[in-house]
Amino acid sequence: MTGTKHRNQRNEIPWPGPRPFTAREEAKFFGRESEQRHIVQRIDAGRITVISARSGVGKTSVLRAAVIPQLCRRRKPEPPGVRRRELPICVRDWWAGAPKTPEEAFRSAMLAGLQEM
């Protein structure tokens, strides 16, 4: 599906191919606004939100390029000496048979999130 009808004004195909979008590609990510709103509402309603669907439907892309940037933008600056209490992260590859244990997956996702702050 690389036909010309999917190209943008600069004649570029707007998706990155088989890999998920990243937060840096937020401006290129579009068409999933209702899912983004729904996920943010679910996150606001509780502490942990789990998104599960078949492979390749765009779960990681909507989280990385839409939900996480939105959550990061709305954080209020903390007063000097006060640490942030909210860190949006995307944890993957923790199911049985994956190379990481759930603890390792959470730890590496948290470290990656902290580095982006």
PDB file of N, CA and C in Angstrom:
ATOM      1  N   MET A   1       0.819  -1.194   0.000  1.00  0.00           N
ATOM      2  CA  MET A   1       0.000   0.000   0.000  1.00  0.00           C
ATOM      3  C   MET A   1       0.858   1.250   0.000  1.00  0.00           C
ATOM      4  N   THR A   2       1.665   1.394  -0.974  1.00  0.00           N
ATOM      5  CA  THR A   2       2.488   2.591  -1.083  1.00  0.00           C
ATOM      6  C   THR A   2       2.022   3.465  -2.229  1.00  0.00           C
ATOM      7  N   GLY A   3       0.749   3.386  -2.574  1.00  0.00           N
ATOM      8  CA  GLY A   3       0.198   4.166  -3.672  1.00  0.00           C
ATOM      9  C   GLY A   3       0.246   5.648  -3.396  1.00  0.00           C
ATOM     10  N   THR A   4       0.083   6.431  -4.468  1.00  0.00           N
ATOM     11  CA  THR A   4       0.206   7.882  -4.345  1.00  0.00           C
ATOM     12  C   THR A   4      -0.909   8.496  -3.500  1.00  0.00           C
ATOM     13  N   LYS A   5      -2.058   7.856  -3.363  1.00  0.00           N
ATOM     14  CA  LYS A   5      -3.128   8.462  -2.565  1.00  0.00           C
ATOM     15  C   LYS A   5      -2.773   8.549  -1.085  1.00  0.00           C
ATOM     16  N   HIS A   6      -1.754   7.845  -0.637  1.00  0.00           N
ATOM     17  CA  HIS A   6      -1.349   7.887   0.775  1.00  0.00           C
ATOM     18  C   HIS A   6      -0.171   8.817   1.017  1.00  0.00           C
ATOM     19  N   ARG A   7       0.288   9.502   0.004  1.00  0.00           N
ATOM     20  CA  ARG A   7       1.439  10.395   0.164  1.00  0.00           C
ATOM     21  C   ARG A   7       0.977  11.759   0.673  1.00  0.00           C
ATOM     22  N   ASN A   8       1.863  12.463   1.396  1.00  0.00           N
ATOM     23  CA  ASN A   8       1.514  13.783   1.901  1.00  0.00           C
ATOM     24  C   ASN A   8       1.879  14.847   0.866  1.00  0.00           C
ATOM     25  N   GLN A   9       1.800  16.128   1.250  1.00  0.00           N
ATOM     26  CA  GLN A   9       2.046  17.221   0.308  1.00  0.00           C
ATOM     27  C   GLN A   9       3.482  17.244  -0.210  1.00  0.00           C
ATOM     28  N   ARG A  10       4.412  16.723   0.548  1.00  0.00           N
ATOM     29  CA  ARG A  10       5.810  16.675   0.091  1.00  0.00           C
ATOM     30  C   ARG A  10       6.118  15.375  -0.626  1.00  0.00           C
ATOM     31  N   ASN A  11       5.073  14.647  -1.035  1.00  0.00           N
ATOM     32  CA  ASN A  11       5.201  13.394  -1.772  1.00  0.00           C
ATOM     33  C   ASN A  11       5.887  12.301  -0.949  1.00  0.00           C
ATOM     34  N   GLU A  12       5.722  12.368   0.388  1.00  0.00           N
ATOM     35  CA  GLU A  12       6.285  11.359   1.276  1.00  0.00           C
ATOM     36  C   GLU A  12       5.162  10.446   1.768  1.00  0.00           C
ATOM     37  N   ILE A  13       5.468   9.195   1.971  1.00  0.00           N
ATOM     38  CA  ILE A  13       4.516   8.289   2.602  1.00  0.00           C
ATOM     39  C   ILE A  13       4.558   8.590   4.101  1.00  0.00           C
ATOM     40  N   PRO A  14       3.409   8.869   4.735  1.00  0.00           N
ATOM     41  CA  PRO A  14       3.418   9.398   6.104  1.00  0.00           C
ATOM     42  C   PRO A  14       3.651   8.398   7.224  1.00  0.00           C
ATOM     43  N   TRP A  15       3.864   7.131   6.954  1.00  0.00           N
ATOM     44  CA  TRP A  15       4.097   6.192   8.049  1.00  0.00           C
ATOM     45  C   TRP A  15       5.497   5.600   7.939  1.00  0.00           C
ATOM     46  N   PRO A  16       6.040   5.154   9.069  1.00  0.00           N
ATOM     47  CA  PRO A  16       7.445   4.733   9.104  1.00  0.00           C
ATOM     48  C   PRO A  16       7.709   3.319   8.602  1.00  0.00           C
ATOM     49  N   GLY A  17       6.716   2.629   8.138  1.00  0.00           N
ATOM     50  CA  GLY A  17       6.920   1.258   7.676  1.00  0.00           C
ATOM     51  C   GLY A  17       6.546   0.268   8.752  1.00  0.00           C
ATOM     52  N   PRO A  18       7.285  -0.828   8.872  1.00  0.00           N
ATOM     53  CA  PRO A  18       6.888  -1.878   9.814  1.00  0.00           C
ATOM     54  C   PRO A  18       7.164  -1.557  11.283  1.00  0.00           C
ATOM     55  N   ARG A  19       7.895  -0.521  11.578  1.00  0.00           N
ATOM     56  CA  ARG A  19       8.166  -0.178  12.975  1.00  0.00           C
ATOM     57  C   ARG A  19       7.123   0.813  13.487  1.00  0.00           C
ATOM     58  N   PRO A  20       6.938   0.900  14.803  1.00  0.00           N
ATOM     59  CA  PRO A  20       5.963   1.845  15.349  1.00  0.00           C
ATOM     60  C   PRO A  20       6.448   3.293  15.248  1.00  0.00           C
ATOM     61  N   PHE A  21       5.501   4.228  15.254  1.00  0.00           N
ATOM     62  CA  PHE A  21       5.837   5.646  15.346  1.00  0.00           C
ATOM     63  C   PHE A  21       6.491   5.908  16.697  1.00  0.00           C
ATOM     64  N   THR A  22       7.260   6.981  16.783  1.00  0.00           N
ATOM     65  CA  THR A  22       7.877   7.404  18.044  1.00  0.00           C
ATOM     66  C   THR A  22       7.309   8.767  18.437  1.00  0.00           C
ATOM     67  N   ALA A  23       7.624   9.220  19.626  1.00  0.00           N
ATOM     68  CA  ALA A  23       7.169  10.537  20.086  1.00  0.00           C
ATOM     69  C   ALA A  23       7.714  11.638  19.177  1.00  0.00           C
ATOM     70  N   ARG A  24       8.903  11.454  18.642  1.00  0.00           N
ATOM     71  CA  ARG A  24       9.482  12.460  17.736  1.00  0.00           C
ATOM     72  C   ARG A  24       8.704  12.573  16.428  1.00  0.00           C
ATOM     73  N   GLU A  25       7.899  11.574  16.112  1.00  0.00           N
ATOM     74  CA  GLU A  25       7.105  11.586  14.881  1.00  0.00           C
ATOM     75  C   GLU A  25       5.648  11.954  15.135  1.00  0.00           C
ATOM     76  N   GLU A  26       5.394  12.577  16.262  1.00  0.00           N
ATOM     77  CA  GLU A  26       4.028  12.938  16.642  1.00  0.00           C
ATOM     78  C   GLU A  26       3.326  13.759  15.556  1.00  0.00           C
ATOM     79  N   ALA A  27       4.027  14.696  14.930  1.00  0.00           N
ATOM     80  CA  ALA A  27       3.410  15.550  13.911  1.00  0.00           C
ATOM     81  C   ALA A  27       2.965  14.762  12.682  1.00  0.00           C
ATOM     82  N   LYS A  28       3.573  13.627  12.422  1.00  0.00           N
ATOM     83  CA  LYS A  28       3.210  12.802  11.272  1.00  0.00           C
ATOM     84  C   LYS A  28       2.089  11.818  11.586  1.00  0.00           C
ATOM     85  N   PHE A  29       1.794  11.641  12.864  1.00  0.00           N
ATOM     86  CA  PHE A  29       0.820  10.637  13.289  1.00  0.00           C
ATOM     87  C   PHE A  29      -0.573  11.253  13.304  1.00  0.00           C
ATOM     88  N   PHE A  30      -1.525  10.645  12.596  1.00  0.00           N
ATOM     89  CA  PHE A  30      -2.875  11.190  12.539  1.00  0.00           C
ATOM     90  C   PHE A  30      -3.874  10.062  12.329  1.00  0.00           C
ATOM     91  N   GLY A  31      -5.147  10.399  12.539  1.00  0.00           N
ATOM     92  CA  GLY A  31      -6.217   9.458  12.265  1.00  0.00           C
ATOM     93  C   GLY A  31      -6.628   8.573  13.425  1.00  0.00           C
ATOM     94  N   ARG A  32      -6.028   8.745  14.580  1.00  0.00           N
ATOM     95  CA  ARG A  32      -6.368   7.905  15.733  1.00  0.00           C
ATOM     96  C   ARG A  32      -6.788   8.763  16.924  1.00  0.00           C
ATOM     97  N   GLU A  33      -7.372   9.930  16.632  1.00  0.00           N
ATOM     98  CA  GLU A  33      -7.724  10.871  17.696  1.00  0.00           C
ATOM     99  C   GLU A  33      -8.753  10.301  18.670  1.00  0.00           C
ATOM    100  N   SER A  34      -9.741   9.562  18.170  1.00  0.00           N
ATOM    101  CA  SER A  34     -10.751   9.029  19.102  1.00  0.00           C
ATOM    102  C   SER A  34     -10.136   7.986  20.029  1.00  0.00           C
ATOM    103  N   GLU A  35      -9.243   7.140  19.495  1.00  0.00           N
ATOM    104  CA  GLU A  35      -8.549   6.171  20.348  1.00  0.00           C
ATOM    105  C   GLU A  35      -7.678   6.883  21.373  1.00  0.00           C
ATOM    106  N   GLN A  36      -6.996   7.943  20.933  1.00  0.00           N
ATOM    107  CA  GLN A  36      -6.150   8.713  21.836  1.00  0.00           C
ATOM    108  C   GLN A  36      -6.975   9.286  22.980  1.00  0.00           C
ATOM    109  N   ARG A  37      -8.102   9.916  22.661  1.00  0.00           N
ATOM    110  CA  ARG A  37      -8.969  10.485  23.708  1.00  0.00           C
ATOM    111  C   ARG A  37      -9.448   9.406  24.667  1.00  0.00           C
ATOM    112  N   HIS A  38      -9.871   8.271  24.123  1.00  0.00           N
ATOM    113  CA  HIS A  38     -10.374   7.181  24.951  1.00  0.00           C
ATOM    114  C   HIS A  38      -9.282   6.657  25.894  1.00  0.00           C
ATOM    115  N   ILE A  39      -8.090   6.472  25.384  1.00  0.00           N
ATOM    116  CA  ILE A  39      -6.989   5.963  26.218  1.00  0.00           C
ATOM    117  C   ILE A  39      -6.650   6.967  27.316  1.00  0.00           C
ATOM    118  N   VAL A  40      -6.567   8.252  26.973  1.00  0.00           N
ATOM    119  CA  VAL A  40      -6.248   9.272  27.982  1.00  0.00           C
ATOM    120  C   VAL A  40      -7.341   9.315  29.048  1.00  0.00           C
ATOM    121  N   GLN A  41      -8.614   9.204  28.646  1.00  0.00           N
ATOM    122  CA  GLN A  41      -9.700   9.176  29.629  1.00  0.00           C
ATOM    123  C   GLN A  41      -9.561   7.978  30.562  1.00  0.00           C
ATOM    124  N   ARG A  42      -9.194   6.827  30.010  1.00  0.00           N
ATOM    125  CA  ARG A  42      -9.006   5.624  30.836  1.00  0.00           C
ATOM    126  C   ARG A  42      -7.832   5.808  31.802  1.00  0.00           C
ATOM    127  N   ILE A  43      -6.762   6.408  31.320  1.00  0.00           N
ATOM    128  CA  ILE A  43      -5.602   6.652  32.189  1.00  0.00           C
ATOM    129  C   ILE A  43      -5.995   7.606  33.304  1.00  0.00           C
ATOM    130  N   ASP A  44      -6.743   8.648  32.966  1.00  0.00           N
ATOM    131  CA  ASP A  44      -7.174   9.622  33.983  1.00  0.00           C
ATOM    132  C   ASP A  44      -8.091   8.991  35.025  1.00  0.00           C
ATOM    133  N   ALA A  45      -8.815   7.955  34.640  1.00  0.00           N
ATOM    134  CA  ALA A  45      -9.765   7.320  35.557  1.00  0.00           C
ATOM    135  C   ALA A  45      -9.102   6.349  36.536  1.00  0.00           C
ATOM    136  N   GLY A  46      -7.881   5.923  36.254  1.00  0.00           N
ATOM    137  CA  GLY A  46      -7.226   4.954  37.126  1.00  0.00           C
ATOM    138  C   GLY A  46      -5.719   5.031  37.025  1.00  0.00           C
ATOM    139  N   ARG A  47      -5.052   4.159  37.706  1.00  0.00           N
ATOM    140  CA  ARG A  47      -3.590   4.171  37.753  1.00  0.00           C
ATOM    141  C   ARG A  47      -2.938   3.392  36.614  1.00  0.00           C
ATOM    142  N   ILE A  48      -3.489   2.241  36.276  1.00  0.00           N
ATOM    143  CA  ILE A  48      -2.862   1.380  35.267  1.00  0.00           C
ATOM    144  C   ILE A  48      -3.853   1.151  34.137  1.00  0.00           C
ATOM    145  N   THR A  49      -3.387   1.297  32.920  1.00  0.00           N
ATOM    146  CA  THR A  49      -4.218   1.044  31.751  1.00  0.00           C
ATOM    147  C   THR A  49      -3.497   0.030  30.882  1.00  0.00           C
ATOM    148  N   VAL A  50      -4.195  -1.040  30.532  1.00  0.00           N
ATOM    149  CA  VAL A  50      -3.617  -2.096  29.693  1.00  0.00           C
ATOM    150  C   VAL A  50      -4.297  -2.036  28.338  1.00  0.00           C
ATOM    151  N   ILE A  51      -3.496  -2.027  27.294  1.00  0.00           N
ATOM    152  CA  ILE A  51      -4.017  -2.031  25.930  1.00  0.00           C
ATOM    153  C   ILE A  51      -3.565  -3.326  25.285  1.00  0.00           C
ATOM    154  N   SER A  52      -4.529  -4.094  24.819  1.00  0.00           N
ATOM    155  CA  SER A  52      -4.231  -5.394  24.234  1.00  0.00           C
ATOM    156  C   SER A  52      -4.998  -5.542  22.926  1.00  0.00           C
ATOM    157  N   ALA A  53      -4.309  -5.966  21.890  1.00  0.00           N
ATOM    158  CA  ALA A  53      -4.936  -6.219  20.587  1.00  0.00           C
ATOM    159  C   ALA A  53      -3.953  -7.046  19.771  1.00  0.00           C
ATOM    160  N   ARG A  54      -4.401  -7.499  18.620  1.00  0.00           N
ATOM    161  CA  ARG A  54      -3.519  -8.317  17.797  1.00  0.00           C
ATOM    162  C   ARG A  54      -2.329  -7.493  17.308  1.00  0.00           C
ATOM    163  N   SER A  55      -1.308  -8.160  16.922  1.00  0.00           N
ATOM    164  CA  SER A  55      -0.080  -7.537  16.456  1.00  0.00           C
ATOM    165  C   SER A  55      -0.322  -6.722  15.188  1.00  0.00           C
ATOM    166  N   GLY A  56       0.300  -5.551  15.127  1.00  0.00           N
ATOM    167  CA  GLY A  56       0.266  -4.748  13.914  1.00  0.00           C
ATOM    168  C   GLY A  56      -0.869  -3.760  13.786  1.00  0.00           C
ATOM    169  N   VAL A  57      -1.732  -3.638  14.792  1.00  0.00           N
ATOM    170  CA  VAL A  57      -2.861  -2.716  14.659  1.00  0.00           C
ATOM    171  C   VAL A  57      -2.519  -1.282  15.075  1.00  0.00           C
ATOM    172  N   GLY A  58      -1.344  -1.060  15.650  1.00  0.00           N
ATOM    173  CA  GLY A  58      -0.917   0.294  15.977  1.00  0.00           C
ATOM    174  C   GLY A  58      -0.973   0.680  17.440  1.00  0.00           C
ATOM    175  N   LYS A  59      -0.999  -0.299  18.331  1.00  0.00           N
ATOM    176  CA  LYS A  59      -1.056  -0.005  19.770  1.00  0.00           C
ATOM    177  C   LYS A  59       0.134   0.841  20.203  1.00  0.00           C
ATOM    178  N   THR A  60       1.317   0.403  19.845  1.00  0.00           N
ATOM    179  CA  THR A  60       2.529   1.112  20.255  1.00  0.00           C
ATOM    180  C   THR A  60       2.597   2.488  19.618  1.00  0.00           C
ATOM    181  N   SER A  61       2.218   2.598  18.363  1.00  0.00           N
ATOM    182  CA  SER A  61       2.252   3.899  17.685  1.00  0.00           C
ATOM    183  C   SER A  61       1.326   4.909  18.349  1.00  0.00           C
ATOM    184  N   VAL A  62       0.090   4.510  18.647  1.00  0.00           N
ATOM    185  CA  VAL A  62      -0.836   5.458  19.262  1.00  0.00           C
ATOM    186  C   VAL A  62      -0.346   5.864  20.653  1.00  0.00           C
ATOM    187  N   LEU A  63       0.276   4.943  21.365  1.00  0.00           N
ATOM    188  CA  LEU A  63       0.816   5.300  22.682  1.00  0.00           C
ATOM    189  C   LEU A  63       2.012   6.230  22.558  1.00  0.00           C
ATOM    190  N   ARG A  64       2.979   5.848  21.730  1.00  0.00           N
ATOM    191  CA  ARG A  64       4.230   6.617  21.634  1.00  0.00           C
ATOM    192  C   ARG A  64       4.062   7.962  20.929  1.00  0.00           C
ATOM    193  N   ALA A  65       3.254   8.024  19.883  1.00  0.00           N
ATOM    194  CA  ALA A  65       3.178   9.246  19.081  1.00  0.00           C
ATOM    195  C   ALA A  65       1.980  10.123  19.416  1.00  0.00           C
ATOM    196  N   ALA A  66       1.067   9.656  20.253  1.00  0.00           N
ATOM    197  CA  ALA A  66      -0.116  10.459  20.574  1.00  0.00           C
ATOM    198  C   ALA A  66      -0.351  10.571  22.075  1.00  0.00           C
ATOM    199  N   VAL A  67      -0.524   9.455  22.742  1.00  0.00           N
ATOM    200  CA  VAL A  67      -0.916   9.478  24.157  1.00  0.00           C
ATOM    201  C   VAL A  67       0.218   9.997  25.045  1.00  0.00           C
ATOM    202  N   ILE A  68       1.390   9.409  24.947  1.00  0.00           N
ATOM    203  CA  ILE A  68       2.494   9.822  25.831  1.00  0.00           C
ATOM    204  C   ILE A  68       2.875  11.281  25.614  1.00  0.00           C
ATOM    205  N   PRO A  69       3.016  11.778  24.368  1.00  0.00           N
ATOM    206  CA  PRO A  69       3.298  13.213  24.215  1.00  0.00           C
ATOM    207  C   PRO A  69       2.216  14.110  24.828  1.00  0.00           C
ATOM    208  N   GLN A  70       0.945  13.717  24.696  1.00  0.00           N
ATOM    209  CA  GLN A  70      -0.130  14.504  25.291  1.00  0.00           C
ATOM    210  C   GLN A  70      -0.003  14.533  26.815  1.00  0.00           C
ATOM    211  N   LEU A  71       0.264  13.377  27.407  1.00  0.00           N
ATOM    212  CA  LEU A  71       0.412  13.325  28.864  1.00  0.00           C
ATOM    213  C   LEU A  71       1.612  14.150  29.325  1.00  0.00           C
ATOM    214  N   CYS A  72       2.688  14.108  28.583  1.00  0.00           N
ATOM    215  CA  CYS A  72       3.875  14.885  28.953  1.00  0.00           C
ATOM    216  C   CYS A  72       3.627  16.388  28.834  1.00  0.00           C
ATOM    217  N   ARG A  73       2.902  16.810  27.805  1.00  0.00           N
ATOM    218  CA  ARG A  73       2.620  18.240  27.613  1.00  0.00           C
ATOM    219  C   ARG A  73       1.750  18.814  28.718  1.00  0.00           C
ATOM    220  N   ARG A  74       0.849  18.041  29.237  1.00  0.00           N
ATOM    221  CA  ARG A  74      -0.082  18.594  30.218  1.00  0.00           C
ATOM    222  C   ARG A  74       0.470  18.595  31.636  1.00  0.00           C
ATOM    223  N   ARG A  75       1.626  17.991  31.846  1.00  0.00           N
ATOM    224  CA  ARG A  75       2.221  18.033  33.188  1.00  0.00           C
ATOM    225  C   ARG A  75       2.555  19.461  33.553  1.00  0.00           C
ATOM    226  N   LYS A  76       2.253  19.821  34.763  1.00  0.00           N
ATOM    227  CA  LYS A  76       2.559  21.161  35.240  1.00  0.00           C
ATOM    228  C   LYS A  76       3.977  21.175  35.796  1.00  0.00           C
ATOM    229  N   PRO A  77       4.686  22.289  35.631  1.00  0.00           N
ATOM    230  CA  PRO A  77       6.028  22.378  36.218  1.00  0.00           C
ATOM    231  C   PRO A  77       5.953  22.259  37.740  1.00  0.00           C
ATOM    232  N   GLU A  78       6.869  21.532  38.297  1.00  0.00           N
ATOM    233  CA  GLU A  78       6.904  21.352  39.752  1.00  0.00           C
ATOM    234  C   GLU A  78       7.740  22.468  40.380  1.00  0.00           C
ATOM    235  N   PRO A  79       7.408  22.857  41.604  1.00  0.00           N
ATOM    236  CA  PRO A  79       8.232  23.839  42.304  1.00  0.00           C
ATOM    237  C   PRO A  79       9.640  23.282  42.521  1.00  0.00           C
ATOM    238  N   PRO A  80      10.631  24.145  42.698  1.00  0.00           N
ATOM    239  CA  PRO A  80      12.000  23.669  42.932  1.00  0.00           C
ATOM    240  C   PRO A  80      12.057  22.688  44.094  1.00  0.00           C
ATOM    241  N   GLY A  81      12.783  21.618  43.909  1.00  0.00           N
ATOM    242  CA  GLY A  81      12.959  20.611  44.948  1.00  0.00           C
ATOM    243  C   GLY A  81      11.867  19.561  45.002  1.00  0.00           C
ATOM    244  N   VAL A  82      10.797  19.715  44.217  1.00  0.00           N
ATOM    245  CA  VAL A  82       9.708  18.746  44.212  1.00  0.00           C
ATOM    246  C   VAL A  82       9.867  17.839  43.004  1.00  0.00           C
ATOM    247  N   ARG A  83       9.808  16.544  43.250  1.00  0.00           N
ATOM    248  CA  ARG A  83       9.959  15.575  42.167  1.00  0.00           C
ATOM    249  C   ARG A  83       8.611  15.289  41.528  1.00  0.00           C
ATOM    250  N   ARG A  84       8.631  15.017  40.257  1.00  0.00           N
ATOM    251  CA  ARG A  84       7.403  14.675  39.549  1.00  0.00           C
ATOM    252  C   ARG A  84       6.875  13.333  40.030  1.00  0.00           C
ATOM    253  N   ARG A  85       5.556  13.209  40.069  1.00  0.00           N
ATOM    254  CA  ARG A  85       4.938  11.967  40.507  1.00  0.00           C
ATOM    255  C   ARG A  85       4.341  11.177  39.360  1.00  0.00           C
ATOM    256  N   GLU A  86       4.429  11.698  38.160  1.00  0.00           N
ATOM    257  CA  GLU A  86       3.790  11.077  37.017  1.00  0.00           C
ATOM    258  C   GLU A  86       4.822  10.877  35.909  1.00  0.00           C
ATOM    259  N   LEU A  87       4.902   9.659  35.399  1.00  0.00           N
ATOM    260  CA  LEU A  87       5.837   9.363  34.316  1.00  0.00           C
ATOM    261  C   LEU A  87       5.151   8.422  33.333  1.00  0.00           C
ATOM    262  N   PRO A  88       4.660   8.950  32.207  1.00  0.00           N
ATOM    263  CA  PRO A  88       4.038   8.050  31.243  1.00  0.00           C
ATOM    264  C   PRO A  88       5.085   7.186  30.552  1.00  0.00           C
ATOM    265  N   ILE A  89       4.877   5.884  30.536  1.00  0.00           N
ATOM    266  CA  ILE A  89       5.806   4.963  29.880  1.00  0.00           C
ATOM    267  C   ILE A  89       5.018   3.934  29.076  1.00  0.00           C
ATOM    268  N   CYS A  90       5.681   3.337  28.120  1.00  0.00           N
ATOM    269  CA  CYS A  90       5.108   2.273  27.306  1.00  0.00           C
ATOM    270  C   CYS A  90       5.939   1.022  27.538  1.00  0.00           C
ATOM    271  N   VAL A  91       5.334  -0.006  28.124  1.00  0.00           N
ATOM    272  CA  VAL A  91       6.044  -1.249  28.445  1.00  0.00           C
ATOM    273  C   VAL A  91       5.639  -2.306  27.428  1.00  0.00           C
ATOM    274  N   ARG A  92       6.632  -2.935  26.812  1.00  0.00           N
ATOM    275  CA  ARG A  92       6.379  -3.978  25.818  1.00  0.00           C
ATOM    276  C   ARG A  92       7.237  -5.204  26.131  1.00  0.00           C
ATOM    277  N   ASP A  93       6.952  -6.274  25.443  1.00  0.00           N
ATOM    278  CA  ASP A  93       7.787  -7.489  25.483  1.00  0.00           C
ATOM    279  C   ASP A  93       7.933  -8.091  26.869  1.00  0.00           C
ATOM    280  N   TRP A  94       6.822  -8.240  27.582  1.00  0.00           N
ATOM    281  CA  TRP A  94       6.912  -8.811  28.923  1.00  0.00           C
ATOM    282  C   TRP A  94       6.165 -10.124  29.039  1.00  0.00           C
ATOM    283  N   TRP A  95       5.539 -10.602  27.970  1.00  0.00           N
ATOM    284  CA  TRP A  95       4.753 -11.829  28.048  1.00  0.00           C
ATOM    285  C   TRP A  95       5.657 -13.051  28.145  1.00  0.00           C
ATOM    286  N   ALA A  96       5.068 -14.167  28.432  1.00  0.00           N
ATOM    287  CA  ALA A  96       5.819 -15.413  28.591  1.00  0.00           C
ATOM    288  C   ALA A  96       6.618 -15.706  27.327  1.00  0.00           C
ATOM    289  N   GLY A  97       7.858 -16.046  27.496  1.00  0.00           N
ATOM    290  CA  GLY A  97       8.718 -16.370  26.370  1.00  0.00           C
ATOM    291  C   GLY A  97       9.477 -15.176  25.826  1.00  0.00           C
ATOM    292  N   ALA A  98       9.170 -13.977  26.303  1.00  0.00           N
ATOM    293  CA  ALA A  98       9.895 -12.785  25.847  1.00  0.00           C
ATOM    294  C   ALA A  98      11.280 -12.760  26.480  1.00  0.00           C
ATOM    295  N   PRO A  99      12.200 -11.994  25.892  1.00  0.00           N
ATOM    296  CA  PRO A  99      13.560 -11.969  26.438  1.00  0.00           C
ATOM    297  C   PRO A  99      13.676 -11.308  27.805  1.00  0.00           C
ATOM    298  N   LYS A 100      12.647 -10.581  28.239  1.00  0.00           N
ATOM    299  CA  LYS A 100      12.708  -9.882  29.526  1.00  0.00           C
ATOM    300  C   LYS A 100      11.624 -10.394  30.463  1.00  0.00           C
ATOM    301  N   THR A 101      11.912 -10.331  31.755  1.00  0.00           N
ATOM    302  CA  THR A 101      10.873 -10.589  32.749  1.00  0.00           C
ATOM    303  C   THR A 101      10.018  -9.323  32.844  1.00  0.00           C
ATOM    304  N   PRO A 102       8.822  -9.400  33.423  1.00  0.00           N
ATOM    305  CA  PRO A 102       8.019  -8.177  33.587  1.00  0.00           C
ATOM    306  C   PRO A 102       8.776  -7.085  34.345  1.00  0.00           C
ATOM    307  N   GLU A 103       9.523  -7.477  35.368  1.00  0.00           N
ATOM    308  CA  GLU A 103      10.283  -6.496  36.152  1.00  0.00           C
ATOM    309  C   GLU A 103      11.342  -5.809  35.300  1.00  0.00           C
ATOM    310  N   GLU A 104      12.047  -6.582  34.468  1.00  0.00           N
ATOM    311  CA  GLU A 104      13.067  -5.996  33.594  1.00  0.00           C
ATOM    312  C   GLU A 104      12.439  -5.069  32.555  1.00  0.00           C
ATOM    313  N   ALA A 105      11.293  -5.459  32.015  1.00  0.00           N
ATOM    314  CA  ALA A 105      10.613  -4.631  31.027  1.00  0.00           C
ATOM    315  C   ALA A 105      10.164  -3.306  31.647  1.00  0.00           C
ATOM    316  N   PHE A 106       9.574  -3.345  32.850  1.00  0.00           N
ATOM    317  CA  PHE A 106       9.164  -2.119  33.523  1.00  0.00           C
ATOM    318  C   PHE A 106      10.372  -1.256  33.862  1.00  0.00           C
ATOM    319  N   ARG A 107      11.426  -1.857  34.360  1.00  0.00           N
ATOM    320  CA  ARG A 107      12.626  -1.112  34.734  1.00  0.00           C
ATOM    321  C   ARG A 107      13.214  -0.396  33.514  1.00  0.00           C
ATOM    322  N   SER A 108      13.366  -1.102  32.400  1.00  0.00           N
ATOM    323  CA  SER A 108      13.962  -0.460  31.217  1.00  0.00           C
ATOM    324  C   SER A 108      13.044   0.612  30.647  1.00  0.00           C
ATOM    325  N   ALA A 109      11.712   0.400  30.688  1.00  0.00           N
ATOM    326  CA  ALA A 109      10.782   1.425  30.213  1.00  0.00           C
ATOM    327  C   ALA A 109      10.829   2.668  31.105  1.00  0.00           C
ATOM    328  N   MET A 110      10.942   2.475  32.405  1.00  0.00           N
ATOM    329  CA  MET A 110      11.026   3.615  33.316  1.00  0.00           C
ATOM    330  C   MET A 110      12.325   4.387  33.107  1.00  0.00           C
ATOM    331  N   LEU A 111      13.427   3.677  32.928  1.00  0.00           N
ATOM    332  CA  LEU A 111      14.695   4.358  32.682  1.00  0.00           C
ATOM    333  C   LEU A 111      14.654   5.148  31.370  1.00  0.00           C
ATOM    334  N   ALA A 112      14.063   4.564  30.341  1.00  0.00           N
ATOM    335  CA  ALA A 112      13.930   5.272  29.062  1.00  0.00           C
ATOM    336  C   ALA A 112      13.064   6.521  29.227  1.00  0.00           C
ATOM    337  N   GLY A 113      11.966   6.403  29.990  1.00  0.00           N
ATOM    338  CA  GLY A 113      11.104   7.545  30.244  1.00  0.00           C
ATOM    339  C   GLY A 113      11.807   8.642  31.012  1.00  0.00           C
ATOM    340  N   LEU A 114      12.605   8.280  31.989  1.00  0.00           N
ATOM    341  CA  LEU A 114      13.361   9.255  32.766  1.00  0.00           C
ATOM    342  C   LEU A 114      14.393   9.980  31.897  1.00  0.00           C
ATOM    343  N   GLN A 115      15.001   9.268  30.977  1.00  0.00           N
ATOM    344  CA  GLN A 115      15.993   9.884  30.094  1.00  0.00           C
ATOM    345  C   GLN A 115      15.363  10.905  29.162  1.00  0.00           C
ATOM    346  N   GLU A 116      14.083  10.710  28.807  1.00  0.00           N
ATOM    347  CA  GLU A 116      13.402  11.647  27.923  1.00  0.00           C
ATOM    348  C   GLU A 116      12.910  12.890  28.653  1.00  0.00           C
ATOM    349  N   MET A 117      12.905  12.886  29.979  1.00  0.00           N
ATOM    350  CA  MET A 117      12.399  14.034  30.740  1.00  0.00           C
ATOM    351  C   MET A 117      13.356  15.206  30.659  1.00  0.00           C
TER     352      MET A 117
END
